[in-house]
Protein backbone atom coordinates (compact mmCIF):
# COMPACT_ATOMS: atom_id res chain seq x y z
CA MET A 1 124.93 127.07 84.62
CA HIS A 2 127.11 128.12 81.69
CA HIS A 3 128.43 125.32 79.47
CA PRO A 4 132.20 125.72 78.98
CA HIS A 5 132.05 125.09 75.22
CA VAL A 6 129.05 127.23 74.24
CA GLN A 7 131.14 129.79 72.32
CA GLU A 8 132.93 127.02 70.42
CA ALA A 9 129.61 125.38 69.52
CA ASP A 10 128.13 128.74 68.50
CA ALA A 11 131.12 129.43 66.24
CA GLY A 12 130.80 125.99 64.64
CA LEU A 13 127.10 126.56 64.10
CA GLU A 14 127.70 129.90 62.39
CA ASP A 15 130.50 128.41 60.27
CA LEU A 16 128.13 125.67 59.08
CA ARG A 17 125.32 128.17 58.46
CA ASP A 18 127.69 130.34 56.37
CA ALA A 19 129.01 127.35 54.39
CA LEU A 20 125.47 126.21 53.62
CA ALA A 21 124.46 129.74 52.62
CA ALA A 22 127.41 129.88 50.19
CA HIS A 23 125.65 127.04 48.35
CA GLY A 24 122.23 128.67 48.61
CA ILE A 25 121.12 126.22 51.30
CA THR A 26 119.17 127.16 54.42
CA LEU A 27 118.30 124.62 57.11
CA PRO A 28 115.47 126.39 58.97
CA SER A 29 115.82 124.32 62.14
CA LEU A 30 119.63 124.54 62.34
CA GLY A 31 120.63 125.33 65.91
CA LEU A 32 122.21 124.11 69.10
CA GLU A 33 120.64 120.98 70.60
CA LEU A 34 119.59 122.40 73.95
CA PRO A 35 119.29 119.05 75.80
CA SER A 36 122.97 118.39 75.06
CA PHE A 37 123.85 121.25 77.43
CA ALA A 38 122.60 119.06 80.27
CA ALA A 39 124.37 115.92 79.05
CA SER A 40 127.96 114.82 79.40
CA TYR A 41 129.01 115.62 75.82
CA ALA A 42 132.34 117.43 75.54
CA THR A 43 130.69 120.12 73.43
CA PRO A 44 127.02 120.82 72.79
CA LEU A 45 125.52 119.07 69.78
CA ILE A 46 124.40 120.95 66.68
CA ALA A 47 120.92 119.96 65.50
CA LEU A 48 120.55 119.99 61.73
CA GLY A 49 116.78 119.75 62.00
CA ASN A 50 114.28 119.14 59.23
CA CYS A 51 114.23 120.38 55.66
CA ASN A 52 112.08 120.01 52.58
CA LEU A 53 112.91 117.81 49.60
CA GLU A 54 114.35 120.69 47.55
CA THR A 55 116.76 121.59 50.36
CA ALA A 56 117.77 117.95 50.86
CA GLN A 57 118.53 117.63 47.15
CA ALA A 58 120.56 120.87 47.15
CA LEU A 59 122.53 119.66 50.17
CA ALA A 60 123.22 116.29 48.53
CA ALA A 61 124.35 118.03 45.32
CA ALA A 62 126.70 120.33 47.25
CA LEU A 63 128.22 117.36 49.06
CA ARG A 64 128.68 115.44 45.82
CA LYS A 65 130.30 118.49 44.21
CA GLY A 66 132.68 118.69 47.18
CA GLU A 67 133.60 115.01 46.75
CA ALA A 68 134.46 115.55 43.09
CA GLY A 69 136.50 118.71 43.74
């Protein structure tokens, strides 16, 4: 069965991946949450996954910089 919003979710995932990369951040487990394809969510969920401390600190710094700008 093909989820009707898979292309939309894929595009959102790639947009997030690109935005993170622009700040030098890679979330290795970033991807679509496969169980959400079987659930009743309007669009599939994006799983941010796990990251190490350095990546978490870089992500927090990028978010803080965005708040200030």
